[in-house]
Amino acid sequence: MKKDENLKERFLKIYANIPLGLRSEIICVVEDKTISWNVAFVEIDQDTPLSKIILEKLNKLNLI
């Protein structure tokens, strides 16, 4: 399993357990843009180039 797939899998497991009310909370900033759990989910689900940056940041912050 590639590292990106492992991070994506970890993110999805955590995201599934985040209460709906907290999913709009900001979890990181990428290129001066605030990223919420919901935005991160959309980017990661679509495997965008930004998703790789988000996953790395969340991993570095020990959120996933």
Protein backbone atom coordinates (compact mmCIF):
# COMPACT_ATOMS: atom_id res chain seq x y z
CA MET A 1 0.00 0.00 0.00
CA LYS A 2 1.35 3.40 -0.96
CA LYS A 3 1.84 6.06 1.69
CA ASP A 4 -0.84 8.34 0.18
CA GLU A 5 -3.39 5.51 0.25
CA ASN A 6 -2.56 4.78 3.87
CA LEU A 7 -3.00 8.44 4.83
CA LYS A 8 -6.25 8.62 2.87
CA GLU A 9 -7.56 5.53 4.63
CA ARG A 10 -6.61 6.95 8.04
CA PHE A 11 -8.28 10.27 7.18
CA LEU A 12 -11.51 8.57 6.08
CA LYS A 13 -11.70 6.50 9.28
CA ILE A 14 -11.27 9.60 11.43
CA TYR A 15 -13.61 11.73 9.30
CA ALA A 16 -16.37 9.12 9.68
CA ASN A 17 -16.20 9.55 13.45
CA ILE A 18 -16.13 13.37 13.50
CA PRO A 19 -19.47 14.76 14.72
CA LEU A 20 -21.36 16.57 11.94
CA GLY A 21 -21.21 19.87 13.82
CA LEU A 22 -17.41 19.80 13.94
CA ARG A 23 -16.85 19.03 10.27
CA SER A 24 -17.03 22.71 9.37
CA GLU A 25 -14.19 23.54 11.80
CA ILE A 26 -10.83 24.62 10.34
CA ILE A 27 -8.14 21.95 10.70
CA CYS A 28 -5.23 23.43 8.73
CA VAL A 29 -4.11 26.21 6.41
CA VAL A 30 -2.68 25.48 2.97
CA GLU A 31 -1.38 28.26 0.74
CA ASP A 32 -3.23 30.89 2.81
CA LYS A 33 -6.51 28.97 2.44
CA THR A 34 -8.30 27.59 5.46
CA ILE A 35 -9.22 23.92 5.20
CA SER A 36 -12.11 22.44 7.17
CA TRP A 37 -12.82 18.74 7.64
CA ASN A 38 -15.49 19.03 4.93
CA VAL A 39 -13.18 20.72 2.43
CA ALA A 40 -10.46 18.20 3.20
CA PHE A 41 -12.91 15.35 2.59
CA VAL A 42 -13.93 16.67 -0.83
CA GLU A 43 -10.32 17.23 -1.90
CA ILE A 44 -9.14 13.85 -0.61
CA ASP A 45 -12.13 11.98 -2.01
CA GLN A 46 -11.40 13.45 -5.46
CA ASP A 47 -7.63 12.75 -5.17
CA THR A 48 -6.76 16.33 -6.15
CA PRO A 49 -3.18 17.61 -6.04
CA LEU A 50 -4.19 19.65 -2.98
CA SER A 51 -5.30 16.45 -1.22
CA LYS A 52 -1.70 15.22 -0.98
CA ILE A 53 -0.65 18.46 0.72
CA ILE A 54 -3.62 18.29 3.11
CA LEU A 55 -2.88 14.67 4.03
CA GLU A 56 0.78 15.45 4.71
CA LYS A 57 -0.14 18.44 6.91
CA LEU A 58 -2.73 16.46 8.86
CA ASN A 59 -0.23 13.67 9.36
CA LYS A 60 2.44 16.12 10.52
CA LEU A 61 -0.07 17.68 12.95
CA ASN A 62 -0.92 14.16 14.26
CA LEU A 63 -4.58 14.62 13.33
CA ILE A 64 -4.57 11.43 11.30
